[in-house]
Amino acid sequence: MTLETIEIETGPNPTASIIVLHGLGADGNDFVPVAEEFDLSSVGPVRFVFPHGPTRPVTINGGHVMRAWYDILGTDLARREDEAGLRESQALVEALIASETGRGIKAARIVLAGFSQGCAMTFMAGLRHKERLGGLLGMSGYLPLADKTAAERSAANADVPIFQAHGTGDPVIAMSRAVASRDALRALGYTVDWHEYPMQHSVCAPEIADMNRWLLRVLG
């Protein structure tokens, strides 16, 4: 499967790429307005890639077919994970990264970003990728297959910068789940730039400003 994407370039001949993975039930259009608020001019032309995720029945939503990187089997995200779906989408994300490197973008100039399910896929694929990436940016999500990360992670990305943000009032993915993911990542030696905001399952203006600063740092 090859995913359809929306692409926005801030100038000709981009020298960096940011791949943004949407959340459950959304599509690639979801984070275009957020990206348009960034000012990354000091790092040169950037290509934003917004893929439309695959469609599948989602158990927790009564089997309704929607865009989802993996199935949600129940409310206990830690105990009942769709490992097969996670690994299928990991391959799709790997193909997105390969497409960018195939167009001349160095892996170290590629940032993988995502919201909610997209955050989970950012951590799932990014920590296992065989070449050092520029950074992993996770919004309102968590670390999937946490108990398998240590064995499966790539040595190349052992020091990859990680930005993780979450809303203190998130009713979809509890703050405790995000904090546990942050702590698991730190226990594995990753440097996690952690941010929390007084919001629900969303993105806010201070978060966009913090992400902008972090992107300038990792791509500068």
N, C-alpha and C. Protein backbone atom coordinates (compact mmCIF):
# COMPACT_ATOMS: atom_id res chain seq x y z
N MET A 1 0.84 -1.19 0.00
CA MET A 1 0.00 0.00 0.00
C MET A 1 0.88 1.25 0.00
N THR A 2 0.53 2.20 -0.85
CA THR A 2 1.19 3.50 -0.86
C THR A 2 0.18 4.55 -0.41
N LEU A 3 0.54 5.31 0.59
CA LEU A 3 -0.38 6.31 1.12
C LEU A 3 -0.42 7.56 0.27
N GLU A 4 -1.62 8.11 0.10
CA GLU A 4 -1.75 9.42 -0.53
C GLU A 4 -1.30 10.48 0.47
N THR A 5 -0.69 11.54 -0.03
CA THR A 5 -0.18 12.58 0.85
C THR A 5 -0.54 13.96 0.34
N ILE A 6 -0.55 14.91 1.25
CA ILE A 6 -0.58 16.33 0.93
C ILE A 6 0.83 16.84 1.20
N GLU A 7 1.37 17.64 0.29
CA GLU A 7 2.72 18.18 0.49
C GLU A 7 2.71 19.70 0.39
N ILE A 8 3.43 20.31 1.29
CA ILE A 8 3.61 21.76 1.26
C ILE A 8 5.10 22.04 1.37
N GLU A 9 5.64 22.83 0.46
CA GLU A 9 7.05 23.20 0.51
C GLU A 9 7.16 24.70 0.79
N THR A 10 8.02 25.05 1.74
CA THR A 10 8.16 26.47 2.10
C THR A 10 9.09 27.21 1.15
N GLY A 11 9.70 26.48 0.23
CA GLY A 11 10.59 27.09 -0.76
C GLY A 11 11.06 26.02 -1.72
N PRO A 12 11.73 26.40 -2.81
CA PRO A 12 12.23 25.41 -3.77
C PRO A 12 13.38 24.60 -3.19
N ASN A 13 13.50 23.37 -3.66
CA ASN A 13 14.60 22.48 -3.27
C ASN A 13 14.73 22.34 -1.75
N PRO A 14 13.72 21.76 -1.10
CA PRO A 14 13.77 21.60 0.35
C PRO A 14 15.00 20.82 0.81
N THR A 15 15.50 21.19 1.97
CA THR A 15 16.66 20.51 2.56
C THR A 15 16.28 19.77 3.83
N ALA A 16 15.01 19.81 4.20
CA ALA A 16 14.52 19.09 5.38
C ALA A 16 13.07 18.70 5.13
N SER A 17 12.63 17.63 5.79
CA SER A 17 11.25 17.18 5.66
C SER A 17 10.66 16.93 7.04
N ILE A 18 9.39 17.28 7.19
CA ILE A 18 8.64 16.99 8.41
C ILE A 18 7.41 16.19 8.01
N ILE A 19 7.36 14.95 8.46
CA ILE A 19 6.25 14.05 8.16
C ILE A 19 5.30 14.09 9.35
N VAL A 20 4.04 14.47 9.11
CA VAL A 20 3.08 14.66 10.20
C VAL A 20 1.96 13.62 10.09
N LEU A 21 1.82 12.80 11.11
CA LEU A 21 0.85 11.70 11.13
C LEU A 21 -0.38 12.11 11.96
N HIS A 22 -1.55 12.06 11.34
CA HIS A 22 -2.78 12.52 11.97
C HIS A 22 -3.30 11.51 13.00
N GLY A 23 -4.35 11.91 13.69
CA GLY A 23 -4.98 11.07 14.69
C GLY A 23 -6.12 10.25 14.14
N LEU A 24 -6.75 9.48 15.00
CA LEU A 24 -7.85 8.59 14.64
C LEU A 24 -9.01 9.36 14.02
N GLY A 25 -9.45 8.90 12.85
CA GLY A 25 -10.62 9.48 12.21
C GLY A 25 -10.37 10.76 11.43
N ALA A 26 -9.14 11.26 11.51
CA ALA A 26 -8.79 12.49 10.77
C ALA A 26 -8.13 12.09 9.45
N ASP A 27 -7.51 13.06 8.77
CA ASP A 27 -6.73 12.75 7.58
C ASP A 27 -5.59 13.76 7.48
N GLY A 28 -4.88 13.74 6.38
CA GLY A 28 -3.70 14.58 6.24
C GLY A 28 -3.97 16.07 6.31
N ASN A 29 -5.23 16.47 6.06
CA ASN A 29 -5.56 17.90 6.11
C ASN A 29 -5.52 18.47 7.53
N ASP A 30 -5.59 17.60 8.52
CA ASP A 30 -5.83 18.02 9.89
C ASP A 30 -4.78 18.98 10.42
N PHE A 31 -3.51 18.74 10.09
CA PHE A 31 -2.45 19.55 10.68
C PHE A 31 -1.82 20.54 9.70
N VAL A 32 -2.41 20.70 8.53
CA VAL A 32 -1.92 21.71 7.60
C VAL A 32 -1.99 23.11 8.23
N PRO A 33 -3.10 23.49 8.90
CA PRO A 33 -3.15 24.83 9.50
C PRO A 33 -2.08 25.05 10.58
N VAL A 34 -1.75 24.01 11.34
CA VAL A 34 -0.71 24.13 12.36
C VAL A 34 0.64 24.38 11.70
N ALA A 35 0.95 23.59 10.68
CA ALA A 35 2.23 23.75 9.99
C ALA A 35 2.37 25.13 9.38
N GLU A 36 1.25 25.68 8.92
CA GLU A 36 1.29 27.00 8.29
C GLU A 36 1.60 28.10 9.30
N GLU A 37 1.49 27.79 10.59
CA GLU A 37 1.82 28.78 11.62
C GLU A 37 3.31 28.76 11.98
N PHE A 38 4.02 27.72 11.58
CA PHE A 38 5.45 27.66 11.90
C PHE A 38 6.24 28.66 11.06
N ASP A 39 7.30 29.17 11.65
CA ASP A 39 8.28 29.97 10.91
C ASP A 39 9.62 29.26 11.03
N LEU A 40 9.97 28.53 9.99
CA LEU A 40 11.21 27.76 9.98
C LEU A 40 12.18 28.31 8.93
N SER A 41 12.00 29.55 8.58
CA SER A 41 12.79 30.15 7.49
C SER A 41 14.29 30.09 7.75
N SER A 42 14.69 30.13 9.01
CA SER A 42 16.13 30.15 9.30
C SER A 42 16.82 28.82 9.06
N VAL A 43 16.05 27.75 8.88
CA VAL A 43 16.68 26.44 8.61
C VAL A 43 16.63 26.08 7.13
N GLY A 44 16.09 26.98 6.30
CA GLY A 44 16.02 26.73 4.87
C GLY A 44 14.68 26.14 4.46
N PRO A 45 14.50 25.85 3.18
CA PRO A 45 13.24 25.32 2.68
C PRO A 45 12.90 23.96 3.30
N VAL A 46 11.65 23.81 3.68
CA VAL A 46 11.18 22.59 4.34
C VAL A 46 10.01 22.01 3.57
N ARG A 47 9.99 20.69 3.45
CA ARG A 47 8.83 20.01 2.87
C ARG A 47 8.02 19.36 3.99
N PHE A 48 6.76 19.74 4.11
CA PHE A 48 5.83 19.07 5.02
C PHE A 48 5.10 17.98 4.24
N VAL A 49 5.03 16.80 4.82
CA VAL A 49 4.32 15.68 4.21
C VAL A 49 3.21 15.26 5.17
N PHE A 50 1.97 15.32 4.69
CA PHE A 50 0.80 14.96 5.50
C PHE A 50 0.11 13.76 4.86
N PRO A 51 0.42 12.56 5.30
CA PRO A 51 -0.21 11.38 4.69
C PRO A 51 -1.64 11.18 5.19
N HIS A 52 -2.47 10.59 4.34
CA HIS A 52 -3.79 10.10 4.74
C HIS A 52 -3.59 8.66 5.19
N GLY A 53 -3.85 8.38 6.45
CA GLY A 53 -3.65 7.02 6.97
C GLY A 53 -4.60 6.02 6.35
N PRO A 54 -4.34 4.73 6.57
CA PRO A 54 -5.20 3.68 6.02
C PRO A 54 -6.56 3.66 6.71
N THR A 55 -7.55 3.05 6.06
CA THR A 55 -8.87 2.88 6.67
C THR A 55 -9.00 1.45 7.20
N ARG A 56 -9.72 1.32 8.31
CA ARG A 56 -9.93 0.01 8.91
C ARG A 56 -11.11 0.11 9.88
N PRO A 57 -11.75 -1.02 10.19
CA PRO A 57 -12.79 -1.01 11.24
C PRO A 57 -12.13 -0.76 12.59
N VAL A 58 -12.75 0.07 13.40
CA VAL A 58 -12.21 0.38 14.73
C VAL A 58 -13.16 -0.19 15.79
N THR A 59 -12.66 -1.17 16.53
CA THR A 59 -13.48 -1.94 17.47
C THR A 59 -14.19 -1.05 18.48
N ILE A 60 -13.46 -0.10 19.09
CA ILE A 60 -14.04 0.72 20.15
C ILE A 60 -15.14 1.64 19.61
N ASN A 61 -15.17 1.85 18.30
CA ASN A 61 -16.21 2.67 17.66
C ASN A 61 -17.24 1.80 16.95
N GLY A 62 -17.47 0.61 17.49
CA GLY A 62 -18.49 -0.27 16.96
C GLY A 62 -18.16 -0.87 15.61
N GLY A 63 -16.87 -0.94 15.28
CA GLY A 63 -16.45 -1.51 14.01
C GLY A 63 -16.60 -0.57 12.84
N HIS A 64 -16.90 0.68 13.11
CA HIS A 64 -17.04 1.67 12.03
C HIS A 64 -15.70 1.85 11.32
N VAL A 65 -15.75 1.88 9.99
CA VAL A 65 -14.52 2.03 9.21
C VAL A 65 -14.13 3.50 9.14
N MET A 66 -12.89 3.78 9.51
CA MET A 66 -12.38 5.16 9.48
C MET A 66 -10.88 5.11 9.29
N ARG A 67 -10.29 6.27 9.09
CA ARG A 67 -8.84 6.31 9.00
C ARG A 67 -8.25 6.05 10.38
N ALA A 68 -7.40 5.04 10.44
CA ALA A 68 -6.80 4.65 11.72
C ALA A 68 -5.48 3.95 11.43
N TRP A 69 -4.46 4.33 12.14
CA TRP A 69 -3.16 3.68 11.95
C TRP A 69 -3.17 2.27 12.51
N TYR A 70 -4.07 2.03 13.47
CA TYR A 70 -4.22 0.69 14.06
C TYR A 70 -5.56 0.66 14.77
N ASP A 71 -6.03 -0.54 15.10
CA ASP A 71 -7.32 -0.70 15.77
C ASP A 71 -7.19 -0.32 17.24
N ILE A 72 -8.27 0.20 17.81
CA ILE A 72 -8.37 0.43 19.24
C ILE A 72 -9.32 -0.62 19.80
N LEU A 73 -8.77 -1.57 20.52
CA LEU A 73 -9.54 -2.74 20.95
C LEU A 73 -10.37 -2.47 22.20
N GLY A 74 -9.96 -1.48 23.00
CA GLY A 74 -10.69 -1.17 24.22
C GLY A 74 -10.09 0.05 24.88
N THR A 75 -10.62 0.41 26.03
CA THR A 75 -10.16 1.61 26.71
C THR A 75 -8.82 1.43 27.39
N ASP A 76 -8.41 0.20 27.65
CA ASP A 76 -7.11 -0.04 28.28
C ASP A 76 -6.05 -0.11 27.19
N LEU A 77 -5.45 1.05 26.90
CA LEU A 77 -4.51 1.14 25.77
C LEU A 77 -3.24 0.33 26.00
N ALA A 78 -2.90 0.08 27.26
CA ALA A 78 -1.65 -0.61 27.55
C ALA A 78 -1.80 -2.13 27.45
N ARG A 79 -2.94 -2.65 27.85
CA ARG A 79 -3.10 -4.10 27.95
C ARG A 79 -3.59 -4.74 26.64
N ARG A 80 -4.35 -3.99 25.85
CA ARG A 80 -4.92 -4.56 24.62
C ARG A 80 -4.50 -3.70 23.44
N GLU A 81 -3.36 -4.03 22.88
CA GLU A 81 -2.83 -3.26 21.74
C GLU A 81 -2.92 -4.08 20.46
N ASP A 82 -3.22 -3.40 19.37
CA ASP A 82 -3.30 -4.03 18.05
C ASP A 82 -1.88 -4.10 17.47
N GLU A 83 -1.13 -5.09 17.91
CA GLU A 83 0.27 -5.18 17.49
C GLU A 83 0.40 -5.35 15.98
N ALA A 84 -0.47 -6.16 15.39
CA ALA A 84 -0.39 -6.38 13.93
C ALA A 84 -0.63 -5.08 13.18
N GLY A 85 -1.63 -4.31 13.61
CA GLY A 85 -1.91 -3.03 12.96
C GLY A 85 -0.78 -2.04 13.14
N LEU A 86 -0.20 -2.00 14.34
CA LEU A 86 0.93 -1.12 14.60
C LEU A 86 2.09 -1.44 13.67
N ARG A 87 2.36 -2.71 13.50
CA ARG A 87 3.51 -3.10 12.66
C ARG A 87 3.22 -2.87 11.18
N GLU A 88 1.98 -3.05 10.76
CA GLU A 88 1.62 -2.74 9.37
C GLU A 88 1.83 -1.25 9.08
N SER A 89 1.40 -0.41 10.01
CA SER A 89 1.55 1.03 9.79
C SER A 89 2.99 1.48 9.97
N GLN A 90 3.75 0.76 10.78
CA GLN A 90 5.18 1.06 10.88
C GLN A 90 5.83 0.94 9.50
N ALA A 91 5.45 -0.08 8.75
CA ALA A 91 6.00 -0.25 7.40
C ALA A 91 5.57 0.89 6.48
N LEU A 92 4.34 1.38 6.65
CA LEU A 92 3.87 2.51 5.85
C LEU A 92 4.67 3.77 6.16
N VAL A 93 4.97 3.98 7.44
CA VAL A 93 5.75 5.16 7.83
C VAL A 93 7.18 5.02 7.32
N GLU A 94 7.72 3.83 7.39
CA GLU A 94 9.06 3.60 6.85
C GLU A 94 9.10 3.95 5.36
N ALA A 95 8.03 3.63 4.63
CA ALA A 95 7.98 3.95 3.20
C ALA A 95 7.94 5.46 2.98
N LEU A 96 7.27 6.19 3.88
CA LEU A 96 7.24 7.65 3.77
C LEU A 96 8.64 8.23 3.97
N ILE A 97 9.36 7.69 4.96
CA ILE A 97 10.73 8.16 5.21
C ILE A 97 11.62 7.83 4.01
N ALA A 98 11.47 6.61 3.48
CA ALA A 98 12.28 6.20 2.32
C ALA A 98 12.01 7.08 1.11
N SER A 99 10.76 7.51 0.96
CA SER A 99 10.43 8.41 -0.15
C SER A 99 11.18 9.72 -0.03
N GLU A 100 11.29 10.23 1.20
CA GLU A 100 12.00 11.49 1.39
C GLU A 100 13.51 11.33 1.17
N THR A 101 14.09 10.28 1.69
CA THR A 101 15.52 10.06 1.47
C THR A 101 15.80 9.81 -0.01
N GLY A 102 14.82 9.17 -0.68
CA GLY A 102 14.97 8.93 -2.12
C GLY A 102 14.94 10.22 -2.93
N ARG A 103 14.35 11.27 -2.35
CA ARG A 103 14.32 12.57 -3.03
C ARG A 103 15.47 13.47 -2.58
N GLY A 104 16.42 12.89 -1.85
CA GLY A 104 17.63 13.63 -1.52
C GLY A 104 17.68 14.26 -0.15
N ILE A 105 16.65 14.02 0.68
CA ILE A 105 16.67 14.56 2.05
C ILE A 105 17.41 13.57 2.94
N LYS A 106 18.43 14.03 3.62
CA LYS A 106 19.16 13.16 4.54
C LYS A 106 18.26 12.77 5.71
N ALA A 107 18.43 11.54 6.19
CA ALA A 107 17.60 11.06 7.30
C ALA A 107 17.71 11.99 8.51
N ALA A 108 18.90 12.53 8.74
CA ALA A 108 19.12 13.41 9.88
C ALA A 108 18.40 14.74 9.74
N ARG A 109 17.81 14.97 8.55
CA ARG A 109 17.04 16.21 8.31
C ARG A 109 15.55 15.90 8.16
N ILE A 110 15.16 14.73 8.66
CA ILE A 110 13.75 14.34 8.63
C ILE A 110 13.22 14.27 10.06
N VAL A 111 12.15 14.99 10.32
CA VAL A 111 11.47 14.93 11.62
C VAL A 111 10.16 14.18 11.42
N LEU A 112 9.92 13.22 12.28
CA LEU A 112 8.68 12.47 12.28
C LEU A 112 7.81 13.03 13.40
N ALA A 113 6.59 13.43 13.06
CA ALA A 113 5.70 14.05 14.04
C ALA A 113 4.32 13.42 13.97
N GLY A 114 3.59 13.50 15.07
CA GLY A 114 2.25 12.93 15.04
C GLY A 114 1.41 13.31 16.24
N PHE A 115 0.08 13.25 16.04
CA PHE A 115 -0.90 13.57 17.08
C PHE A 115 -1.69 12.32 17.43
N SER A 116 -1.82 12.02 18.74
CA SER A 116 -2.63 10.92 19.23
C SER A 116 -2.14 9.59 18.64
N GLN A 117 -2.95 8.92 17.81
CA GLN A 117 -2.45 7.70 17.15
C GLN A 117 -1.20 8.01 16.34
N GLY A 118 -1.16 9.19 15.74
CA GLY A 118 0.01 9.58 14.97
C GLY A 118 1.25 9.73 15.83
N CYS A 119 1.05 10.16 17.09
CA CYS A 119 2.16 10.23 18.05
C CYS A 119 2.66 8.82 18.35
N ALA A 120 1.73 7.89 18.58
CA ALA A 120 2.12 6.50 18.84
C ALA A 120 2.93 5.94 17.68
N MET A 121 2.50 6.25 16.44
CA MET A 121 3.22 5.75 15.27
C MET A 121 4.58 6.44 15.11
N THR A 122 4.66 7.71 15.52
CA THR A 122 5.94 8.42 15.50
C THR A 122 6.96 7.70 16.38
N PHE A 123 6.53 7.35 17.60
CA PHE A 123 7.43 6.64 18.51
C PHE A 123 7.69 5.21 18.02
N MET A 124 6.63 4.56 17.53
CA MET A 124 6.76 3.17 17.06
C MET A 124 7.78 3.06 15.93
N ALA A 125 7.63 3.88 14.92
CA ALA A 125 8.51 3.80 13.75
C ALA A 125 9.84 4.50 13.97
N GLY A 126 9.78 5.67 14.60
CA GLY A 126 10.99 6.48 14.74
C GLY A 126 12.06 5.83 15.58
N LEU A 127 11.66 5.20 16.69
CA LEU A 127 12.65 4.58 17.57
C LEU A 127 13.26 3.33 16.96
N ARG A 128 12.59 2.76 15.96
CA ARG A 128 13.07 1.54 15.32
C ARG A 128 13.77 1.79 13.99
N HIS A 129 13.73 3.03 13.51
CA HIS A 129 14.30 3.34 12.20
C HIS A 129 15.83 3.15 12.22
N LYS A 130 16.37 2.62 11.15
CA LYS A 130 17.77 2.19 11.13
C LYS A 130 18.76 3.33 10.86
N GLU A 131 18.26 4.49 10.45
CA GLU A 131 19.13 5.65 10.27
C GLU A 131 18.73 6.74 11.26
N ARG A 132 19.71 7.50 11.71
CA ARG A 132 19.44 8.57 12.67
C ARG A 132 18.55 9.63 12.06
N LEU A 133 17.41 9.88 12.67
CA LEU A 133 16.48 10.90 12.23
C LEU A 133 16.77 12.23 12.90
N GLY A 134 16.17 13.29 12.39
CA GLY A 134 16.38 14.61 12.97
C GLY A 134 15.70 14.78 14.32
N GLY A 135 14.55 14.13 14.49
CA GLY A 135 13.83 14.24 15.74
C GLY A 135 12.47 13.57 15.65
N LEU A 136 11.88 13.32 16.84
CA LEU A 136 10.55 12.74 16.95
C LEU A 136 9.69 13.71 17.76
N LEU A 137 8.54 14.08 17.21
CA LEU A 137 7.67 15.06 17.84
C LEU A 137 6.31 14.40 18.10
N GLY A 138 6.00 14.19 19.37
CA GLY A 138 4.76 13.51 19.74
C GLY A 138 3.79 14.41 20.47
N MET A 139 2.57 14.53 19.95
CA MET A 139 1.53 15.35 20.55
C MET A 139 0.38 14.48 21.04
N SER A 140 0.04 14.61 22.31
CA SER A 140 -1.17 13.99 22.88
C SER A 140 -1.27 12.50 22.57
N GLY A 141 -0.16 11.79 22.76
CA GLY A 141 -0.15 10.37 22.48
C GLY A 141 0.61 9.59 23.54
N TYR A 142 1.15 8.46 23.13
CA TYR A 142 1.82 7.57 24.08
C TYR A 142 2.78 6.65 23.34
N LEU A 143 3.56 5.91 24.09
CA LEU A 143 4.51 4.95 23.54
C LEU A 143 3.84 3.58 23.42
N PRO A 144 3.64 3.09 22.19
CA PRO A 144 3.00 1.78 22.03
C PRO A 144 4.02 0.65 22.17
N LEU A 145 3.53 -0.54 22.47
CA LEU A 145 4.40 -1.72 22.65
C LEU A 145 5.60 -1.37 23.53
N ALA A 146 5.32 -0.68 24.62
CA ALA A 146 6.39 -0.16 25.47
C ALA A 146 7.32 -1.26 25.97
N ASP A 147 6.75 -2.44 26.26
CA ASP A 147 7.57 -3.51 26.80
C ASP A 147 8.49 -4.15 25.76
N LYS A 148 8.30 -3.81 24.48
CA LYS A 148 9.14 -4.37 23.43
C LYS A 148 10.12 -3.35 22.84
N THR A 149 10.01 -2.11 23.32
CA THR A 149 10.83 -1.04 22.74
C THR A 149 12.31 -1.27 22.97
N ALA A 150 12.69 -1.67 24.16
CA ALA A 150 14.11 -1.85 24.48
C ALA A 150 14.77 -2.86 23.55
N ALA A 151 14.07 -3.95 23.26
CA ALA A 151 14.64 -5.00 22.42
C ALA A 151 14.65 -4.64 20.95
N GLU A 152 13.69 -3.80 20.52
CA GLU A 152 13.51 -3.55 19.09
C GLU A 152 14.06 -2.20 18.62
N ARG A 153 14.40 -1.32 19.53
CA ARG A 153 14.83 0.02 19.12
C ARG A 153 16.15 -0.03 18.36
N SER A 154 16.35 1.00 17.55
CA SER A 154 17.55 1.09 16.73
C SER A 154 18.65 1.85 17.46
N ALA A 155 19.86 1.30 17.41
CA ALA A 155 20.99 1.99 18.04
C ALA A 155 21.25 3.33 17.37
N ALA A 156 20.91 3.44 16.08
CA ALA A 156 21.16 4.68 15.34
C ALA A 156 20.37 5.85 15.93
N ASN A 157 19.21 5.56 16.52
CA ASN A 157 18.37 6.62 17.08
C ASN A 157 18.39 6.64 18.61
N ALA A 158 19.44 6.11 19.19
CA ALA A 158 19.54 6.07 20.66
C ALA A 158 19.57 7.47 21.26
N ASP A 159 20.04 8.45 20.48
CA ASP A 159 20.12 9.82 21.00
C ASP A 159 19.24 10.79 20.23
N VAL A 160 18.21 10.26 19.56
CA VAL A 160 17.33 11.13 18.77
C VAL A 160 16.58 12.09 19.70
N PRO A 161 16.52 13.38 19.37
CA PRO A 161 15.76 14.33 20.20
C PRO A 161 14.26 14.00 20.14
N ILE A 162 13.62 14.07 21.29
CA ILE A 162 12.19 13.79 21.38
C ILE A 162 11.46 14.96 22.03
N PHE A 163 10.42 15.45 21.37
CA PHE A 163 9.52 16.45 21.93
C PHE A 163 8.21 15.72 22.23
N GLN A 164 7.74 15.82 23.47
CA GLN A 164 6.47 15.19 23.83
C GLN A 164 5.60 16.19 24.56
N ALA A 165 4.37 16.35 24.11
CA ALA A 165 3.45 17.31 24.70
C ALA A 165 2.10 16.65 24.98
N HIS A 166 1.42 17.13 26.03
CA HIS A 166 0.13 16.54 26.40
C HIS A 166 -0.72 17.57 27.14
N GLY A 167 -2.02 17.40 27.03
CA GLY A 167 -2.96 18.26 27.73
C GLY A 167 -3.31 17.70 29.10
N THR A 168 -3.29 18.55 30.12
CA THR A 168 -3.56 18.08 31.49
C THR A 168 -4.99 17.60 31.66
N GLY A 169 -5.90 18.05 30.79
CA GLY A 169 -7.29 17.62 30.88
C GLY A 169 -7.71 16.69 29.76
N ASP A 170 -6.77 15.97 29.18
CA ASP A 170 -7.06 15.09 28.03
C ASP A 170 -8.00 13.96 28.47
N PRO A 171 -9.23 13.89 27.91
CA PRO A 171 -10.16 12.81 28.27
C PRO A 171 -10.01 11.57 27.39
N VAL A 172 -9.19 11.65 26.35
CA VAL A 172 -9.04 10.55 25.40
C VAL A 172 -7.84 9.67 25.78
N ILE A 173 -6.70 10.31 25.97
CA ILE A 173 -5.50 9.61 26.43
C ILE A 173 -5.08 10.29 27.74
N ALA A 174 -5.23 9.57 28.82
CA ALA A 174 -5.00 10.15 30.14
C ALA A 174 -3.57 10.67 30.28
N MET A 175 -3.44 11.75 31.03
CA MET A 175 -2.13 12.32 31.31
C MET A 175 -1.20 11.27 31.92
N SER A 176 -1.74 10.40 32.76
CA SER A 176 -0.91 9.37 33.40
C SER A 176 -0.28 8.44 32.37
N ARG A 177 -1.00 8.17 31.29
CA ARG A 177 -0.47 7.32 30.22
C ARG A 177 0.68 8.02 29.51
N ALA A 178 0.52 9.31 29.27
CA ALA A 178 1.58 10.08 28.62
C ALA A 178 2.82 10.17 29.52
N VAL A 179 2.60 10.41 30.80
CA VAL A 179 3.72 10.51 31.74
C VAL A 179 4.46 9.18 31.84
N ALA A 180 3.70 8.08 31.86
CA ALA A 180 4.33 6.76 31.90
C ALA A 180 5.18 6.52 30.65
N SER A 181 4.71 7.00 29.52
CA SER A 181 5.46 6.86 28.27
C SER A 181 6.73 7.70 28.33
N ARG A 182 6.59 8.94 28.81
CA ARG A 182 7.77 9.80 28.97
C ARG A 182 8.80 9.13 29.87
N ASP A 183 8.35 8.61 31.00
CA ASP A 183 9.28 7.99 31.95
C ASP A 183 9.93 6.74 31.37
N ALA A 184 9.16 5.98 30.58
CA ALA A 184 9.73 4.78 29.94
C ALA A 184 10.81 5.17 28.94
N LEU A 185 10.57 6.23 28.19
CA LEU A 185 11.56 6.71 27.23
C LEU A 185 12.82 7.20 27.94
N ARG A 186 12.63 7.95 29.01
CA ARG A 186 13.79 8.45 29.76
C ARG A 186 14.57 7.31 30.40
N ALA A 187 13.86 6.28 30.86
CA ALA A 187 14.53 5.13 31.46
C ALA A 187 15.41 4.39 30.45
N LEU A 188 15.05 4.51 29.16
CA LEU A 188 15.85 3.90 28.10
C LEU A 188 16.98 4.81 27.64
N GLY A 189 17.09 5.99 28.25
CA GLY A 189 18.19 6.89 27.95
C GLY A 189 17.89 8.01 26.99
N TYR A 190 16.63 8.12 26.56
CA TYR A 190 16.28 9.18 25.61
C TYR A 190 16.11 10.51 26.36
N THR A 191 16.48 11.58 25.68
CA THR A 191 16.24 12.92 26.21
C THR A 191 14.89 13.39 25.70
N VAL A 192 13.93 13.52 26.61
CA VAL A 192 12.57 13.91 26.24
C VAL A 192 12.32 15.35 26.67
N ASP A 193 12.04 16.20 25.70
CA ASP A 193 11.67 17.58 25.96
C ASP A 193 10.17 17.59 26.23
N TRP A 194 9.80 17.55 27.50
CA TRP A 194 8.40 17.35 27.92
C TRP A 194 7.69 18.68 28.12
N HIS A 195 6.43 18.74 27.63
CA HIS A 195 5.61 19.93 27.80
C HIS A 195 4.18 19.51 28.12
N GLU A 196 3.56 20.20 29.05
CA GLU A 196 2.14 19.96 29.32
C GLU A 196 1.40 21.29 29.32
N TYR A 197 0.14 21.23 28.89
CA TYR A 197 -0.64 22.45 28.70
C TYR A 197 -2.05 22.26 29.27
N PRO A 198 -2.69 23.33 29.73
CA PRO A 198 -4.05 23.23 30.27
C PRO A 198 -5.07 23.13 29.13
N MET A 199 -5.13 21.96 28.52
CA MET A 199 -6.03 21.74 27.38
C MET A 199 -6.51 20.29 27.41
N GLN A 200 -7.42 19.98 26.51
CA GLN A 200 -7.91 18.61 26.39
C GLN A 200 -7.14 17.89 25.28
N HIS A 201 -7.82 17.11 24.46
CA HIS A 201 -7.15 16.34 23.40
C HIS A 201 -7.05 17.23 22.16
N SER A 202 -6.09 18.14 22.19
CA SER A 202 -6.03 19.15 21.14
C SER A 202 -4.63 19.74 21.07
N VAL A 203 -4.52 20.83 20.33
CA VAL A 203 -3.26 21.57 20.21
C VAL A 203 -3.55 23.02 20.56
N CYS A 204 -2.64 23.68 21.24
CA CYS A 204 -2.87 25.08 21.64
C CYS A 204 -1.73 25.96 21.14
N ALA A 205 -1.95 27.27 21.18
CA ALA A 205 -0.98 28.23 20.66
C ALA A 205 0.38 28.16 21.36
N PRO A 206 0.43 28.07 22.69
CA PRO A 206 1.75 27.94 23.33
C PRO A 206 2.50 26.68 22.89
N GLU A 207 1.75 25.60 22.64
CA GLU A 207 2.38 24.36 22.17
C GLU A 207 2.98 24.55 20.78
N ILE A 208 2.25 25.24 19.91
CA ILE A 208 2.76 25.49 18.56
C ILE A 208 4.05 26.30 18.63
N ALA A 209 4.08 27.28 19.52
CA ALA A 209 5.29 28.09 19.69
C ALA A 209 6.45 27.25 20.21
N ASP A 210 6.17 26.37 21.16
CA ASP A 210 7.22 25.49 21.70
C ASP A 210 7.72 24.52 20.64
N MET A 211 6.80 23.98 19.84
CA MET A 211 7.21 23.07 18.76
C MET A 211 8.07 23.80 17.74
N ASN A 212 7.70 25.03 17.43
CA ASN A 212 8.47 25.83 16.47
C ASN A 212 9.91 26.00 16.96
N ARG A 213 10.07 26.36 18.24
CA ARG A 213 11.41 26.53 18.79
C ARG A 213 12.21 25.23 18.75
N TRP A 214 11.55 24.13 19.07
CA TRP A 214 12.22 22.83 19.08
C TRP A 214 12.64 22.43 17.66
N LEU A 215 11.77 22.64 16.68
CA LEU A 215 12.11 22.32 15.29
C LEU A 215 13.28 23.14 14.81
N LEU A 216 13.32 24.40 15.17
CA LEU A 216 14.47 25.24 14.78
C LEU A 216 15.76 24.69 15.37
N ARG A 217 15.67 24.17 16.59
CA ARG A 217 16.86 23.64 17.24
C ARG A 217 17.36 22.34 16.58
N VAL A 218 16.42 21.41 16.33
CA VAL A 218 16.86 20.10 15.82
C VAL A 218 17.20 20.14 14.33
N LEU A 219 16.66 21.12 13.61
CA LEU A 219 16.96 21.24 12.18
C LEU A 219 17.95 22.36 11.88
N GLY A 220 18.34 23.11 12.90
CA GLY A 220 19.24 24.25 12.70
C GLY A 220 20.67 23.84 12.38
